[in-house]
């Protein structure tokens, strides 16, 4: 490593301590003796520990856990120049997937960190109901989110291909709540829209290689937005086709370079957004539910984080 001072922040509910320490010892050898360790807690999923690691002079901080742990650590490292290493041990592991970090492979993920090859990525910041900002590395939003789509039945997907997502969408239809939305993009004039799902992302791929935000890039200095207003079976089918076929399979086959919008599925990009909801809806940040909100302000911090 370019800086041998390493801190490891690990979620005890996601990995076995003995297995983790053994893998670290094998990867870093004698240097492992100087590694500092922090264990996350229910009260602090990693942000406070990451701040301590920065203050202690760690040049690299490794987050061992799921998307929540990674997000919490990334929030503290933003703009510090301290590198983030990721050992994915959660269910979604969405940032790790988008960075091609080995999954379910302690040794492989640690080897990536030890290789000391870094890249700068953007982070998003979101304020809910004019409260304090929270960082996010993957996606935030309300309505039918990436986690719902990722839970599509694997057996059905193997047998029916993209049609399996129709079944998943069907299960979600009953839980959607259409609402009026005032959307302000990059400080332009507010526009009135309607929808039940809005996803704002820094990267776009979820489980199964499905890209909800096909234009999203971790290092383009932009955030991507998906607004869904499907109402009725035909529009739901149109939405599934747009996500899975037009902006998924067909795009890969033809090499398309721009997301395709439809009447019920709209794609946009922005550096900042402000969203006012007529009816409060449950909001999620990198898969963590934060309760009902009415006002959302989002911005991107370009090249905020060095990731190994």
Protein backbone atom coordinates (compact mmCIF):
# COMPACT_ATOMS: atom_id res chain seq x y z
CA UNK A 1 0.00 0.00 0.00
CA UNK A 2 1.13 3.56 -0.67
CA UNK A 3 0.26 4.33 2.96
CA UNK A 4 0.70 1.35 5.29
CA UNK A 5 -1.61 2.84 7.93
CA UNK A 6 -4.82 0.85 7.49
CA UNK A 7 -8.05 0.91 9.46
CA UNK A 8 -10.69 -1.79 9.18
CA UNK A 9 -14.30 -1.06 10.11
CA UNK A 10 -16.35 -4.24 10.21
CA UNK A 11 -19.97 -5.09 10.85
CA UNK A 12 -20.11 -8.05 13.28
CA UNK A 13 -23.58 -9.04 12.05
CA UNK A 14 -22.26 -9.56 8.51
CA UNK A 15 -19.04 -11.53 8.92
CA UNK A 16 -17.19 -13.90 11.23
CA UNK A 17 -14.37 -12.20 13.13
CA UNK A 18 -11.99 -15.15 13.01
CA UNK A 19 -12.43 -15.68 9.27
CA UNK A 20 -11.93 -11.97 8.59
CA UNK A 21 -8.78 -11.67 10.70
CA UNK A 22 -7.33 -14.82 9.15
CA UNK A 23 -7.94 -13.47 5.64
CA UNK A 24 -6.41 -10.10 6.57
CA UNK A 25 -3.32 -11.81 8.04
CA UNK A 26 -2.83 -13.90 4.90
CA UNK A 27 -3.25 -10.89 2.59
CA UNK A 28 -1.12 -8.32 4.40
CA UNK A 29 1.40 -10.56 6.17
CA UNK A 30 3.55 -8.75 8.74
CA UNK A 31 1.87 -5.44 7.90
CA UNK A 32 -1.37 -6.82 9.39
CA UNK A 33 0.07 -6.26 12.87
CA UNK A 34 -0.21 -2.51 12.41
CA UNK A 35 -3.82 -2.51 11.21
CA UNK A 36 -6.32 -0.80 13.48
CA UNK A 37 -9.77 -2.31 13.98
CA UNK A 38 -13.18 -0.78 14.70
CA UNK A 39 -16.44 -2.69 15.18
CA UNK A 40 -19.70 -1.05 14.11
CA UNK A 41 -22.72 -0.84 16.40
CA UNK A 42 -26.45 -0.30 16.12
CA UNK A 43 -25.97 3.30 17.20
CA UNK A 44 -23.08 3.95 14.80
CA UNK A 45 -22.94 1.94 11.55
CA UNK A 46 -19.46 3.23 10.76
CA UNK A 47 -19.34 7.00 10.30
CA UNK A 48 -17.90 7.77 13.74
CA UNK A 49 -15.34 4.99 13.44
CA UNK A 50 -14.26 6.23 10.01
CA UNK A 51 -13.80 9.73 11.41
CA UNK A 52 -11.63 8.26 14.16
CA UNK A 53 -9.59 6.37 11.56
CA UNK A 54 -8.99 9.57 9.58
CA UNK A 55 -7.97 11.43 12.74
CA UNK A 56 -5.64 8.55 13.64
CA UNK A 57 -3.83 9.02 10.33
CA UNK A 58 -5.07 6.01 8.43
CA UNK A 59 -4.37 6.35 4.71
CA UNK A 60 -6.81 3.57 3.86
CA UNK A 61 -10.06 2.65 5.58
CA UNK A 62 -11.68 -0.68 4.74
CA UNK A 63 -15.45 -1.14 5.14
CA UNK A 64 -16.43 -4.76 5.79
CA UNK A 65 -20.20 -5.20 5.59
CA UNK A 66 -23.20 -4.39 3.47
CA UNK A 67 -24.25 -1.24 1.63
CA UNK A 68 -25.15 0.48 4.91
CA UNK A 69 -21.67 0.04 6.31
CA UNK A 70 -20.04 1.16 3.08
CA UNK A 71 -22.27 4.24 2.89
CA UNK A 72 -21.56 5.23 6.50
CA UNK A 73 -17.80 4.94 6.05
CA UNK A 74 -17.84 6.73 2.68
CA UNK A 75 -19.69 9.67 4.26
CA UNK A 76 -16.82 10.25 6.69
CA UNK A 77 -14.11 9.81 4.04
CA UNK A 78 -15.58 12.20 1.45
CA UNK A 79 -13.10 14.91 0.53
CA UNK A 80 -10.39 13.68 2.93
CA UNK A 81 -8.15 11.99 0.38
CA UNK A 82 -8.22 8.81 2.50
CA UNK A 83 -8.87 5.75 0.32
CA UNK A 84 -11.85 3.45 0.81
CA UNK A 85 -11.51 -0.31 0.51
CA UNK A 86 -14.63 -2.48 0.25
CA UNK A 87 -15.08 -6.05 1.47
CA UNK A 88 -18.71 -6.76 0.54
CA UNK A 89 -20.56 -8.94 3.07
CA UNK A 90 -24.17 -7.81 2.67
CA UNK A 91 -27.13 -8.86 0.56
CA UNK A 92 -27.11 -6.22 -2.16
CA UNK A 93 -23.47 -5.06 -2.17
CA UNK A 94 -24.47 -2.61 -4.87
CA UNK A 95 -21.45 -0.29 -4.85
CA UNK A 96 -19.16 -3.32 -4.87
CA UNK A 97 -21.08 -4.75 -7.86
CA UNK A 98 -20.75 -1.52 -9.79
CA UNK A 99 -17.01 -1.45 -9.06
CA UNK A 100 -16.56 -5.16 -9.93
CA UNK A 101 -15.25 -5.95 -6.44
CA UNK A 102 -15.28 -9.73 -5.85
CA UNK A 103 -18.42 -10.83 -3.95
CA UNK A 104 -18.56 -13.61 -1.34
CA UNK A 105 -14.78 -13.76 -1.51
CA UNK A 106 -12.87 -12.31 1.44
CA UNK A 107 -9.47 -13.09 -0.04
CA UNK A 108 -10.39 -11.70 -3.46
CA UNK A 109 -11.76 -8.43 -2.08
CA UNK A 110 -8.75 -7.93 0.20
CA UNK A 111 -6.39 -8.67 -2.69
CA UNK A 112 -8.05 -5.88 -4.65
CA UNK A 113 -7.34 -3.52 -1.75
CA UNK A 114 -3.74 -4.67 -1.38
CA UNK A 115 -3.16 -4.08 -5.12
CA UNK A 116 -3.41 -0.35 -4.32
CA UNK A 117 -5.17 0.67 -7.55
CA UNK A 118 -7.51 3.55 -6.83
CA UNK A 119 -10.14 5.43 -8.76
CA UNK A 120 -12.00 8.63 -7.90
CA UNK A 121 -15.80 8.36 -7.72
CA UNK A 122 -18.59 10.81 -7.07
CA UNK A 123 -20.84 10.80 -4.02
CA UNK A 124 -24.40 12.03 -3.73
CA UNK A 125 -25.69 14.05 -0.80
CA UNK A 126 -29.33 14.19 0.22
CA UNK A 127 -31.23 16.36 2.71
CA UNK A 128 -34.70 15.26 3.82
CA UNK A 129 -37.28 17.86 4.87
CA UNK A 130 -34.47 20.45 5.07
CA UNK A 131 -32.58 18.37 7.65
CA UNK A 132 -28.87 17.50 7.72
CA UNK A 133 -27.25 15.98 4.62
CA UNK A 134 -26.47 12.29 4.28
CA UNK A 135 -24.05 10.86 1.73
CA UNK A 136 -25.03 8.06 -0.63
CA UNK A 137 -22.90 6.02 -2.97
CA UNK A 138 -25.56 4.11 -4.89
CA UNK A 139 -29.22 5.23 -4.98
CA UNK A 140 -31.86 7.10 -3.02
CA UNK A 141 -35.55 7.49 -3.63
CA UNK A 142 -39.09 6.44 -2.90
CA UNK A 143 -41.56 3.93 -4.32
CA UNK A 144 -40.53 0.70 -6.00
CA UNK A 145 -36.81 0.65 -5.44
CA UNK A 146 -33.87 -1.43 -6.57
CA UNK A 147 -34.31 -3.89 -3.73
CA UNK A 148 -37.81 -4.85 -4.88
CA UNK A 149 -36.58 -5.60 -8.37
CA UNK A 150 -33.64 -7.56 -7.03
CA UNK A 151 -36.01 -9.93 -5.23
CA UNK A 152 -37.40 -11.35 -8.46
CA UNK A 153 -37.75 -15.12 -8.10
CA UNK A 154 -34.49 -16.69 -9.34
CA UNK A 155 -36.13 -19.93 -10.49
CA UNK A 156 -38.74 -18.02 -12.48
CA UNK A 157 -36.03 -15.79 -13.95
CA UNK A 158 -34.13 -18.88 -15.11
CA UNK A 159 -37.26 -20.27 -16.78
CA UNK A 160 -38.91 -17.14 -18.12
CA UNK A 161 -36.08 -14.63 -18.59
CA UNK A 162 -37.05 -10.96 -18.43
CA UNK A 163 -40.75 -11.87 -18.11
CA UNK A 164 -39.97 -12.80 -14.49
CA UNK A 165 -39.76 -9.08 -13.77
CA UNK A 166 -43.40 -8.71 -14.80
CA UNK A 167 -44.28 -10.95 -11.86
CA UNK A 168 -42.12 -8.86 -9.53
CA UNK A 169 -43.70 -5.64 -10.74
CA UNK A 170 -47.13 -7.16 -10.30
CA UNK A 171 -46.43 -7.86 -6.64
CA UNK A 172 -45.40 -4.25 -6.15
CA UNK A 173 -48.35 -2.57 -7.88
CA UNK A 174 -50.62 -2.77 -4.85
CA UNK A 175 -48.14 -0.81 -2.75
CA UNK A 176 -47.65 2.18 -5.02
CA UNK A 177 -49.03 5.61 -4.18
CA UNK A 178 -49.25 8.15 -7.00
CA UNK A 179 -48.63 11.72 -5.90
CA UNK A 180 -48.11 15.19 -7.36
CA UNK A 181 -44.46 16.23 -7.46
CA UNK A 182 -42.77 19.59 -7.96
CA UNK A 183 -39.37 18.90 -9.50
CA UNK A 184 -36.59 21.48 -9.75
CA UNK A 185 -33.49 20.48 -11.72
CA UNK A 186 -30.19 22.38 -11.46
CA UNK A 187 -32.00 25.49 -10.23
CA UNK A 188 -34.24 25.79 -13.31
CA UNK A 189 -37.93 26.60 -13.20
CA UNK A 190 -39.87 24.02 -11.16
CA UNK A 191 -42.01 21.60 -13.17
CA UNK A 192 -45.14 19.76 -12.07
CA UNK A 193 -45.09 15.97 -12.59
CA UNK A 194 -46.84 12.95 -11.17
CA UNK A 195 -45.39 9.63 -10.15
CA UNK A 196 -45.12 6.93 -7.52
CA UNK A 197 -41.44 6.01 -7.84
CA UNK A 198 -38.36 8.18 -8.08
CA UNK A 199 -34.83 6.81 -7.99
CA UNK A 200 -31.84 9.15 -7.97
CA UNK A 201 -28.55 7.36 -8.43
CA UNK A 202 -24.82 7.67 -8.58
CA UNK A 203 -24.58 4.27 -10.27
CA UNK A 204 -27.25 2.18 -11.91
CA UNK A 205 -26.69 -1.56 -11.68
CA UNK A 206 -28.47 -3.79 -9.15
CA UNK A 207 -28.48 -7.57 -8.67
CA UNK A 208 -28.63 -9.75 -11.73
CA UNK A 209 -26.87 -7.13 -13.85
CA UNK A 210 -30.12 -5.17 -14.22
CA UNK A 211 -29.49 -1.45 -14.80
CA UNK A 212 -32.22 0.77 -13.42
CA UNK A 213 -30.20 3.83 -14.43
CA UNK A 214 -28.45 2.81 -17.66
CA UNK A 215 -26.63 6.13 -18.15
CA UNK A 216 -25.34 6.40 -14.58
CA UNK A 217 -21.57 6.49 -14.13
CA UNK A 218 -19.70 6.69 -10.84
CA UNK A 219 -17.26 9.30 -12.13
CA UNK A 220 -19.23 11.56 -14.50
CA UNK A 221 -20.06 14.33 -12.00
CA UNK A 222 -23.79 13.79 -12.56
CA UNK A 223 -26.73 12.10 -10.88
CA UNK A 224 -29.28 10.12 -12.86
CA UNK A 225 -33.01 10.13 -12.16
CA UNK A 226 -35.73 7.61 -12.98
CA UNK A 227 -39.34 8.75 -12.53
CA UNK A 228 -42.04 6.09 -12.87
CA UNK A 229 -45.72 6.96 -13.21
CA UNK A 230 -47.15 3.62 -14.41
CA UNK A 231 -50.90 3.43 -13.81
CA UNK A 232 -52.67 0.29 -14.92
CA UNK A 233 -51.50 -3.03 -16.34
CA UNK A 234 -50.52 -1.74 -19.80
CA UNK A 235 -48.30 1.02 -18.44
CA UNK A 236 -46.72 -1.39 -15.96
CA UNK A 237 -45.85 -3.69 -18.84
CA UNK A 238 -44.41 -0.68 -20.67
CA UNK A 239 -42.27 0.13 -17.63
CA UNK A 240 -40.95 -3.41 -17.33
CA UNK A 241 -40.16 -3.45 -21.04
CA UNK A 242 -38.36 -0.11 -20.75
CA UNK A 243 -36.21 -1.22 -17.80
CA UNK A 244 -35.48 -4.79 -18.82
CA UNK A 245 -35.57 -4.71 -22.63
CA UNK A 246 -35.16 -1.21 -24.12
CA UNK A 247 -32.61 -0.01 -21.56
CA UNK A 248 -31.21 -3.44 -20.75
CA UNK A 249 -30.97 -6.32 -23.18
CA UNK A 250 -31.58 -4.33 -26.38
CA UNK A 251 -29.18 -1.59 -25.35
CA UNK A 252 -26.41 -4.13 -24.75
CA UNK A 253 -27.09 -5.75 -28.12
CA UNK A 254 -27.16 -2.51 -30.10
CA UNK A 255 -24.66 -0.46 -28.12
CA UNK A 256 -27.12 2.37 -27.44
CA UNK A 257 -25.62 5.28 -25.52
CA UNK A 258 -28.67 7.06 -24.13
CA UNK A 259 -31.49 5.87 -21.87
CA UNK A 260 -34.88 5.54 -23.57
CA UNK A 261 -37.78 7.29 -21.84
CA UNK A 262 -41.45 6.42 -22.24
CA UNK A 263 -44.71 8.04 -21.20
CA UNK A 264 -44.58 6.24 -17.85
CA UNK A 265 -40.81 5.87 -17.38
CA UNK A 266 -38.73 9.05 -17.60
CA UNK A 267 -34.92 9.35 -17.42
CA UNK A 268 -33.10 12.60 -16.55
CA UNK A 269 -29.64 13.74 -15.42
CA UNK A 270 -28.70 16.59 -13.09
CA UNK A 271 -26.08 17.94 -10.73
CA UNK A 272 -28.73 18.92 -8.20
CA UNK A 273 -32.43 18.35 -7.67
CA UNK A 274 -35.11 19.52 -5.32
CA UNK A 275 -38.29 17.46 -4.99
CA UNK A 276 -41.49 18.50 -3.22
CA UNK A 277 -44.11 15.78 -2.69
CA UNK A 278 -47.80 16.55 -2.25
CA UNK A 279 -48.10 13.41 -0.11
CA UNK A 280 -45.27 12.15 2.12
CA UNK A 281 -43.76 8.87 0.97
CA UNK A 282 -41.29 6.42 2.51
CA UNK A 283 -37.73 7.26 1.48
CA UNK A 284 -34.68 5.01 1.20
CA UNK A 285 -30.98 5.76 1.03
CA UNK A 286 -28.73 2.97 -0.27
CA UNK A 287 -31.38 0.46 0.78
CA UNK A 288 -31.98 1.88 4.29
CA UNK A 289 -35.51 3.08 5.05
CA UNK A 290 -35.57 6.54 6.64
CA UNK A 291 -39.33 7.09 7.08
CA UNK A 292 -41.81 9.33 5.29
CA UNK A 293 -40.58 12.59 3.76
CA UNK A 294 -42.11 15.47 1.81
CA UNK A 295 -39.08 17.46 0.61
CA UNK A 296 -35.89 16.05 -0.88
CA UNK A 297 -32.80 18.04 -1.89
CA UNK A 298 -30.02 16.14 -3.67
CA UNK A 299 -26.63 17.17 -5.03
CA UNK A 300 -23.53 15.48 -6.39
CA UNK A 301 -20.00 15.91 -5.07
CA UNK A 302 -17.75 15.10 -8.01
CA UNK A 303 -14.64 12.96 -7.42
CA UNK A 304 -15.37 12.99 -3.69
CA UNK A 305 -13.90 9.63 -2.84
CA UNK A 306 -10.86 7.53 -3.70
CA UNK A 307 -11.81 3.85 -3.86
CA UNK A 308 -9.39 0.94 -4.05
